[in-house]
Amino acid sequence: MGHSILIIDDDASTRTLLTSALQRDEYDTVTAENGAEAVRRLVESKPCVILLDFDMPVMDGHDFREVQKRVAPDVPIICLTGAVDADMTGRRVGASSVHQKPLDVDAVRSAVAELCRLPHAHRHTPEVENSIGPARDAGLGEAPASLTRPPE
């Protein structure tokens, strides 16, 4: 298929579950356990869709979203959250859809498939890689040290 999905969640079992399900659907997956790692992944390769948890250490989903809007504003976000106000969180950050934890994996898969059919959908191509190069060269792939340091 050629579509890449960036999965950002601090819970390893959630990353594994989503990776397994999406790879069965023939998507390429890239994972990150926090927003700072996700920024690096984002500038390495622009995904079709980002699955984003919001409550994470180091750099949370809100801070990641602010960077993502500058680096890859056209990549849609699917919000993954355990928050009671899940819909409010999703609307606040402009998520295409919101999925409450524990996740309904089939619903997430359907949301991903729908977004990857849209005209914005990015595939791994040299053109996409070349469009990301300037952001990488500008240093946008590096999160500020204050966001990547472990808490004291």
N, C-alpha and C. Protein backbone atom coordinates (compact mmCIF):
# COMPACT_ATOMS: atom_id res chain seq x y z
N MET A 1 0.82 -1.20 0.00
CA MET A 1 0.00 0.00 0.00
C MET A 1 0.86 1.25 0.00
N GLY A 2 1.94 1.29 0.77
CA GLY A 2 2.84 2.43 0.75
C GLY A 2 2.50 3.52 1.74
N HIS A 3 1.37 3.44 2.44
CA HIS A 3 1.02 4.46 3.43
C HIS A 3 1.70 4.15 4.75
N SER A 4 2.24 5.20 5.37
CA SER A 4 2.91 5.07 6.65
C SER A 4 2.07 5.73 7.74
N ILE A 5 1.99 5.07 8.89
CA ILE A 5 1.25 5.57 10.03
C ILE A 5 2.22 5.77 11.18
N LEU A 6 2.22 6.96 11.77
CA LEU A 6 3.04 7.26 12.93
C LEU A 6 2.19 7.05 14.17
N ILE A 7 2.60 6.12 15.03
CA ILE A 7 1.88 5.78 16.25
C ILE A 7 2.67 6.33 17.43
N ILE A 8 2.04 7.26 18.17
CA ILE A 8 2.72 7.90 19.30
C ILE A 8 1.94 7.61 20.57
N ASP A 9 2.52 6.80 21.43
CA ASP A 9 1.88 6.45 22.70
C ASP A 9 2.95 5.97 23.66
N ASP A 10 2.87 6.39 24.91
CA ASP A 10 3.87 5.98 25.90
C ASP A 10 3.64 4.56 26.39
N ASP A 11 2.49 3.98 26.08
CA ASP A 11 2.19 2.61 26.51
C ASP A 11 2.63 1.62 25.43
N ALA A 12 3.62 0.80 25.77
CA ALA A 12 4.19 -0.15 24.80
C ALA A 12 3.14 -1.13 24.28
N SER A 13 2.23 -1.57 25.13
CA SER A 13 1.23 -2.54 24.67
C SER A 13 0.27 -1.90 23.66
N THR A 14 -0.04 -0.63 23.81
CA THR A 14 -0.89 0.06 22.84
C THR A 14 -0.17 0.19 21.51
N ARG A 15 1.11 0.57 21.56
CA ARG A 15 1.89 0.67 20.32
C ARG A 15 1.96 -0.67 19.61
N THR A 16 2.18 -1.74 20.36
CA THR A 16 2.28 -3.08 19.78
C THR A 16 0.95 -3.51 19.17
N LEU A 17 -0.14 -3.28 19.89
CA LEU A 17 -1.47 -3.65 19.41
C LEU A 17 -1.79 -2.94 18.10
N LEU A 18 -1.58 -1.63 18.06
CA LEU A 18 -1.89 -0.86 16.86
C LEU A 18 -0.95 -1.20 15.71
N THR A 19 0.32 -1.38 16.02
CA THR A 19 1.28 -1.76 14.97
C THR A 19 0.88 -3.07 14.32
N SER A 20 0.56 -4.05 15.13
CA SER A 20 0.17 -5.36 14.62
C SER A 20 -1.09 -5.27 13.75
N ALA A 21 -2.10 -4.57 14.23
CA ALA A 21 -3.35 -4.45 13.47
C ALA A 21 -3.14 -3.72 12.15
N LEU A 22 -2.38 -2.63 12.17
CA LEU A 22 -2.19 -1.84 10.96
C LEU A 22 -1.26 -2.52 9.96
N GLN A 23 -0.28 -3.25 10.45
CA GLN A 23 0.58 -4.00 9.53
C GLN A 23 -0.20 -5.13 8.85
N ARG A 24 -1.16 -5.71 9.55
CA ARG A 24 -2.04 -6.72 8.90
C ARG A 24 -2.83 -6.08 7.76
N ASP A 25 -3.12 -4.79 7.90
CA ASP A 25 -3.82 -4.06 6.84
C ASP A 25 -2.85 -3.51 5.79
N GLU A 26 -1.60 -3.91 5.87
CA GLU A 26 -0.55 -3.57 4.92
C GLU A 26 -0.09 -2.11 4.96
N TYR A 27 -0.19 -1.50 6.14
CA TYR A 27 0.38 -0.17 6.34
C TYR A 27 1.78 -0.33 6.89
N ASP A 28 2.64 0.63 6.56
CA ASP A 28 3.94 0.72 7.20
C ASP A 28 3.70 1.49 8.50
N THR A 29 4.34 1.06 9.57
CA THR A 29 4.15 1.76 10.84
C THR A 29 5.48 2.22 11.41
N VAL A 30 5.45 3.37 12.05
CA VAL A 30 6.59 3.93 12.76
C VAL A 30 6.05 4.29 14.14
N THR A 31 6.81 3.98 15.18
CA THR A 31 6.32 4.26 16.53
C THR A 31 7.24 5.21 17.28
N ALA A 32 6.63 5.86 18.26
CA ALA A 32 7.38 6.73 19.17
C ALA A 32 6.70 6.66 20.53
N GLU A 33 7.49 6.71 21.60
CA GLU A 33 6.91 6.59 22.94
C GLU A 33 6.64 7.94 23.60
N ASN A 34 7.00 9.03 22.92
CA ASN A 34 6.68 10.37 23.44
C ASN A 34 6.77 11.36 22.29
N GLY A 35 6.34 12.57 22.56
CA GLY A 35 6.31 13.59 21.52
C GLY A 35 7.66 13.98 20.97
N ALA A 36 8.67 14.02 21.83
CA ALA A 36 10.02 14.39 21.36
C ALA A 36 10.55 13.37 20.35
N GLU A 37 10.38 12.10 20.66
CA GLU A 37 10.80 11.06 19.72
C GLU A 37 9.96 11.14 18.44
N ALA A 38 8.69 11.47 18.58
CA ALA A 38 7.79 11.56 17.43
C ALA A 38 8.19 12.69 16.49
N VAL A 39 8.68 13.80 17.04
CA VAL A 39 9.14 14.91 16.19
C VAL A 39 10.27 14.41 15.30
N ARG A 40 11.20 13.68 15.87
CA ARG A 40 12.32 13.13 15.07
C ARG A 40 11.79 12.20 13.98
N ARG A 41 10.84 11.35 14.32
CA ARG A 41 10.27 10.42 13.33
C ARG A 41 9.54 11.19 12.22
N LEU A 42 8.84 12.25 12.61
CA LEU A 42 8.06 13.03 11.66
C LEU A 42 8.94 13.68 10.60
N VAL A 43 10.09 14.21 11.00
CA VAL A 43 10.96 14.85 10.00
C VAL A 43 11.74 13.83 9.19
N GLU A 44 11.87 12.61 9.69
CA GLU A 44 12.53 11.55 8.92
C GLU A 44 11.64 11.09 7.78
N SER A 45 10.33 11.01 8.03
CA SER A 45 9.41 10.51 7.01
C SER A 45 8.00 11.00 7.33
N LYS A 46 7.38 11.65 6.38
CA LYS A 46 6.05 12.21 6.58
C LYS A 46 4.99 11.10 6.44
N PRO A 47 4.23 10.86 7.49
CA PRO A 47 3.23 9.78 7.45
C PRO A 47 1.93 10.23 6.78
N CYS A 48 1.07 9.28 6.52
CA CYS A 48 -0.26 9.54 6.00
C CYS A 48 -1.16 10.03 7.13
N VAL A 49 -1.01 9.41 8.30
CA VAL A 49 -1.85 9.69 9.47
C VAL A 49 -0.98 9.57 10.72
N ILE A 50 -1.32 10.35 11.74
CA ILE A 50 -0.66 10.25 13.04
C ILE A 50 -1.68 9.82 14.07
N LEU A 51 -1.38 8.74 14.79
CA LEU A 51 -2.19 8.30 15.93
C LEU A 51 -1.49 8.85 17.16
N LEU A 52 -2.16 9.72 17.91
CA LEU A 52 -1.50 10.49 18.95
C LEU A 52 -2.19 10.38 20.30
N ASP A 53 -1.45 9.84 21.26
CA ASP A 53 -1.87 9.87 22.66
C ASP A 53 -1.52 11.26 23.19
N PHE A 54 -2.26 11.76 24.16
CA PHE A 54 -1.98 13.10 24.65
C PHE A 54 -1.31 13.15 25.99
N ASP A 55 -1.53 12.17 26.82
CA ASP A 55 -0.94 12.17 28.17
C ASP A 55 0.31 11.31 28.16
N MET A 56 1.46 11.96 27.90
CA MET A 56 2.74 11.25 27.82
C MET A 56 3.82 12.05 28.53
N PRO A 57 4.86 11.37 29.01
CA PRO A 57 5.99 12.09 29.61
C PRO A 57 6.89 12.70 28.53
N VAL A 58 7.84 13.46 28.93
CA VAL A 58 8.86 14.12 28.11
C VAL A 58 8.25 15.24 27.27
N MET A 59 7.45 14.91 26.29
CA MET A 59 6.74 15.90 25.47
C MET A 59 5.36 15.33 25.22
N ASP A 60 4.33 15.99 25.74
CA ASP A 60 2.99 15.43 25.61
C ASP A 60 2.40 15.69 24.21
N GLY A 61 1.22 15.18 24.00
CA GLY A 61 0.58 15.29 22.70
C GLY A 61 0.27 16.71 22.28
N HIS A 62 -0.07 17.57 23.23
CA HIS A 62 -0.35 18.97 22.90
C HIS A 62 0.90 19.68 22.38
N ASP A 63 2.03 19.48 23.05
CA ASP A 63 3.28 20.10 22.60
C ASP A 63 3.72 19.53 21.25
N PHE A 64 3.57 18.21 21.07
CA PHE A 64 3.90 17.61 19.79
C PHE A 64 3.05 18.23 18.68
N ARG A 65 1.77 18.39 18.95
CA ARG A 65 0.84 18.92 17.95
C ARG A 65 1.26 20.32 17.50
N GLU A 66 1.76 21.14 18.42
CA GLU A 66 2.21 22.48 18.05
C GLU A 66 3.39 22.41 17.07
N VAL A 67 4.32 21.50 17.29
CA VAL A 67 5.45 21.33 16.38
C VAL A 67 4.96 20.73 15.06
N GLN A 68 4.10 19.74 15.15
CA GLN A 68 3.59 19.07 13.95
C GLN A 68 2.88 20.04 13.02
N LYS A 69 2.17 21.01 13.56
CA LYS A 69 1.46 21.99 12.72
C LYS A 69 2.43 22.83 11.89
N ARG A 70 3.67 22.98 12.36
CA ARG A 70 4.68 23.73 11.59
C ARG A 70 5.39 22.84 10.59
N VAL A 71 5.64 21.58 10.96
CA VAL A 71 6.45 20.68 10.14
C VAL A 71 5.62 19.96 9.09
N ALA A 72 4.45 19.49 9.46
CA ALA A 72 3.60 18.70 8.56
C ALA A 72 2.13 19.00 8.84
N PRO A 73 1.69 20.22 8.55
CA PRO A 73 0.34 20.63 8.93
C PRO A 73 -0.77 19.88 8.23
N ASP A 74 -0.48 19.28 7.09
CA ASP A 74 -1.52 18.59 6.33
C ASP A 74 -1.71 17.14 6.75
N VAL A 75 -0.92 16.64 7.69
CA VAL A 75 -1.06 15.26 8.15
C VAL A 75 -2.13 15.22 9.24
N PRO A 76 -3.21 14.46 9.02
CA PRO A 76 -4.28 14.42 10.02
C PRO A 76 -3.89 13.65 11.27
N ILE A 77 -4.53 14.04 12.37
CA ILE A 77 -4.31 13.44 13.68
C ILE A 77 -5.54 12.62 14.07
N ILE A 78 -5.29 11.43 14.58
CA ILE A 78 -6.32 10.65 15.25
C ILE A 78 -5.92 10.64 16.72
N CYS A 79 -6.79 11.17 17.55
CA CYS A 79 -6.51 11.30 18.99
C CYS A 79 -6.83 10.00 19.71
N LEU A 80 -5.87 9.51 20.50
CA LEU A 80 -6.05 8.34 21.36
C LEU A 80 -5.95 8.85 22.78
N THR A 81 -6.98 8.65 23.58
CA THR A 81 -6.93 9.20 24.92
C THR A 81 -7.77 8.42 25.92
N GLY A 82 -7.33 8.47 27.14
CA GLY A 82 -8.09 7.90 28.23
C GLY A 82 -8.80 8.99 29.02
N ALA A 83 -8.69 10.23 28.56
CA ALA A 83 -9.28 11.37 29.27
C ALA A 83 -10.80 11.30 29.25
N VAL A 84 -11.39 11.76 30.32
CA VAL A 84 -12.85 11.80 30.43
C VAL A 84 -13.43 12.75 29.38
N ASP A 85 -12.73 13.85 29.13
CA ASP A 85 -13.19 14.84 28.15
C ASP A 85 -12.54 14.61 26.78
N ALA A 86 -12.57 13.37 26.31
CA ALA A 86 -11.89 12.97 25.07
C ALA A 86 -12.31 13.83 23.88
N ASP A 87 -13.61 14.06 23.71
CA ASP A 87 -14.07 14.84 22.56
C ASP A 87 -13.56 16.27 22.62
N MET A 88 -13.54 16.84 23.81
CA MET A 88 -13.03 18.21 23.99
C MET A 88 -11.54 18.26 23.62
N THR A 89 -10.77 17.29 24.07
CA THR A 89 -9.34 17.22 23.75
C THR A 89 -9.16 17.14 22.24
N GLY A 90 -9.91 16.29 21.59
CA GLY A 90 -9.81 16.13 20.15
C GLY A 90 -10.14 17.40 19.39
N ARG A 91 -11.20 18.06 19.79
CA ARG A 91 -11.59 19.31 19.12
C ARG A 91 -10.55 20.40 19.33
N ARG A 92 -10.00 20.46 20.54
CA ARG A 92 -9.02 21.50 20.87
C ARG A 92 -7.79 21.42 19.97
N VAL A 93 -7.41 20.24 19.57
CA VAL A 93 -6.20 20.09 18.75
C VAL A 93 -6.50 19.84 17.27
N GLY A 94 -7.78 19.83 16.91
CA GLY A 94 -8.14 19.65 15.51
C GLY A 94 -8.00 18.22 15.02
N ALA A 95 -8.25 17.25 15.89
CA ALA A 95 -8.15 15.84 15.50
C ALA A 95 -9.26 15.48 14.51
N SER A 96 -8.94 14.62 13.57
CA SER A 96 -9.93 14.12 12.61
C SER A 96 -10.93 13.21 13.29
N SER A 97 -10.45 12.45 14.27
CA SER A 97 -11.33 11.60 15.07
C SER A 97 -10.69 11.37 16.43
N VAL A 98 -11.52 10.94 17.36
CA VAL A 98 -11.08 10.71 18.73
C VAL A 98 -11.48 9.30 19.12
N HIS A 99 -10.55 8.57 19.73
CA HIS A 99 -10.81 7.20 20.16
C HIS A 99 -10.45 7.07 21.62
N GLN A 100 -11.45 6.73 22.40
CA GLN A 100 -11.32 6.59 23.86
C GLN A 100 -10.64 5.26 24.19
N LYS A 101 -9.73 5.30 25.17
CA LYS A 101 -9.11 4.08 25.66
C LYS A 101 -10.00 3.47 26.74
N PRO A 102 -10.12 2.15 26.83
CA PRO A 102 -9.46 1.17 25.97
C PRO A 102 -9.98 1.26 24.54
N LEU A 103 -9.06 1.08 23.60
CA LEU A 103 -9.34 1.30 22.19
C LEU A 103 -10.19 0.21 21.56
N ASP A 104 -11.05 0.62 20.66
CA ASP A 104 -11.74 -0.27 19.74
C ASP A 104 -10.85 -0.29 18.50
N VAL A 105 -10.02 -1.30 18.38
CA VAL A 105 -9.01 -1.35 17.32
C VAL A 105 -9.64 -1.31 15.94
N ASP A 106 -10.77 -1.96 15.76
CA ASP A 106 -11.43 -1.94 14.46
C ASP A 106 -11.88 -0.53 14.09
N ALA A 107 -12.35 0.24 15.06
CA ALA A 107 -12.74 1.63 14.79
C ALA A 107 -11.53 2.47 14.41
N VAL A 108 -10.40 2.25 15.07
CA VAL A 108 -9.17 2.97 14.73
C VAL A 108 -8.73 2.59 13.32
N ARG A 109 -8.76 1.31 13.00
CA ARG A 109 -8.38 0.85 11.65
C ARG A 109 -9.26 1.49 10.59
N SER A 110 -10.55 1.57 10.84
CA SER A 110 -11.48 2.20 9.89
C SER A 110 -11.16 3.68 9.70
N ALA A 111 -10.87 4.37 10.80
CA ALA A 111 -10.53 5.80 10.72
C ALA A 111 -9.24 6.00 9.91
N VAL A 112 -8.26 5.14 10.13
CA VAL A 112 -7.00 5.23 9.38
C VAL A 112 -7.27 5.00 7.89
N ALA A 113 -8.02 3.96 7.57
CA ALA A 113 -8.31 3.64 6.17
C ALA A 113 -9.02 4.80 5.47
N GLU A 114 -9.97 5.40 6.16
CA GLU A 114 -10.70 6.53 5.58
C GLU A 114 -9.77 7.71 5.30
N LEU A 115 -8.90 8.03 6.23
CA LEU A 115 -7.99 9.16 6.04
C LEU A 115 -6.94 8.89 4.97
N CYS A 116 -6.50 7.66 4.86
CA CYS A 116 -5.48 7.33 3.86
C CYS A 116 -6.05 7.30 2.44
N ARG A 117 -7.36 7.29 2.31
CA ARG A 117 -7.98 7.36 0.98
C ARG A 117 -8.11 8.80 0.48
N LEU A 118 -7.93 9.77 1.35
CA LEU A 118 -8.08 11.17 0.98
C LEU A 118 -6.91 11.64 0.12
N PRO A 119 -7.12 12.71 -0.66
CA PRO A 119 -6.07 13.21 -1.56
C PRO A 119 -4.77 13.60 -0.87
N HIS A 120 -4.81 14.02 0.40
CA HIS A 120 -3.59 14.43 1.11
C HIS A 120 -2.66 13.25 1.38
N ALA A 121 -3.20 12.04 1.33
CA ALA A 121 -2.50 10.85 1.82
C ALA A 121 -1.11 10.72 1.23
N HIS A 122 -0.13 10.68 2.10
CA HIS A 122 1.27 10.62 1.70
C HIS A 122 1.73 9.17 1.57
N ARG A 123 2.46 8.92 0.51
CA ARG A 123 3.10 7.63 0.31
C ARG A 123 4.60 7.85 0.40
N HIS A 124 5.31 6.78 0.65
CA HIS A 124 6.78 6.88 0.67
C HIS A 124 7.26 7.07 -0.76
N THR A 125 7.70 8.27 -1.08
CA THR A 125 8.25 8.56 -2.40
C THR A 125 9.42 9.50 -2.24
N PRO A 126 10.31 9.57 -3.22
CA PRO A 126 11.41 10.53 -3.13
C PRO A 126 10.91 11.97 -3.02
N GLU A 127 9.76 12.30 -3.68
CA GLU A 127 9.23 13.65 -3.62
C GLU A 127 8.86 14.02 -2.19
N VAL A 128 8.23 13.09 -1.46
CA VAL A 128 7.85 13.37 -0.08
C VAL A 128 9.11 13.54 0.76
N GLU A 129 10.08 12.67 0.59
CA GLU A 129 11.32 12.79 1.35
C GLU A 129 12.00 14.13 1.07
N ASN A 130 12.00 14.57 -0.21
CA ASN A 130 12.63 15.84 -0.55
C ASN A 130 11.90 17.01 0.07
N SER A 131 10.58 16.92 0.22
CA SER A 131 9.84 18.02 0.82
C SER A 131 10.09 18.13 2.32
N ILE A 132 10.52 17.07 2.94
CA ILE A 132 10.80 17.07 4.37
C ILE A 132 12.21 17.57 4.65
N GLY A 133 13.10 17.42 3.71
CA GLY A 133 14.50 17.80 3.91
C GLY A 133 14.71 19.19 4.49
N PRO A 134 14.04 20.23 3.94
CA PRO A 134 14.25 21.57 4.49
C PRO A 134 13.88 21.68 5.97
N ALA A 135 12.82 21.01 6.39
CA ALA A 135 12.46 21.04 7.82
C ALA A 135 13.53 20.37 8.65
N ARG A 136 14.04 19.25 8.15
CA ARG A 136 15.10 18.53 8.88
C ARG A 136 16.34 19.41 8.95
N ASP A 137 16.68 20.05 7.82
CA ASP A 137 17.86 20.89 7.78
C ASP A 137 17.73 22.12 8.67
N ALA A 138 16.51 22.58 8.86
CA ALA A 138 16.27 23.76 9.71
C ALA A 138 16.32 23.43 11.19
N GLY A 139 16.53 22.16 11.49
CA GLY A 139 16.64 21.78 12.89
C GLY A 139 15.31 21.48 13.56
N LEU A 140 14.23 21.39 12.78
CA LEU A 140 12.93 21.11 13.37
C LEU A 140 12.82 19.68 13.85
N GLY A 141 13.77 18.84 13.50
CA GLY A 141 13.74 17.46 13.95
C GLY A 141 14.24 17.28 15.36
N GLU A 142 14.77 18.31 15.93
CA GLU A 142 15.29 18.23 17.28
C GLU A 142 14.36 18.95 18.24
N ALA A 143 13.90 18.25 19.24
CA ALA A 143 13.08 18.90 20.26
C ALA A 143 14.01 19.67 21.19
N PRO A 144 13.51 20.76 21.76
CA PRO A 144 14.32 21.52 22.71
C PRO A 144 14.81 20.62 23.84
N ALA A 145 16.01 20.88 24.34
CA ALA A 145 16.60 20.06 25.39
C ALA A 145 15.69 19.98 26.61
N SER A 146 14.97 21.05 26.90
CA SER A 146 14.08 21.05 28.07
C SER A 146 12.96 20.04 27.92
N LEU A 147 12.64 19.66 26.67
CA LEU A 147 11.58 18.68 26.45
C LEU A 147 12.10 17.26 26.36
N THR A 148 13.37 17.09 26.13
CA THR A 148 13.90 15.74 25.97
C THR A 148 14.63 15.23 27.20
N ARG A 149 14.90 16.15 28.16
CA ARG A 149 15.55 15.72 29.40
C ARG A 149 14.57 14.94 30.24
N PRO A 150 15.01 13.84 30.87
CA PRO A 150 14.11 13.14 31.78
C PRO A 150 13.82 14.02 32.99
N PRO A 151 12.62 13.88 33.58
CA PRO A 151 12.30 14.69 34.75
C PRO A 151 13.26 14.39 35.89
N GLU A 152 13.57 15.41 36.66
CA GLU A 152 14.51 15.24 37.77
C GLU A 152 13.79 14.81 39.02
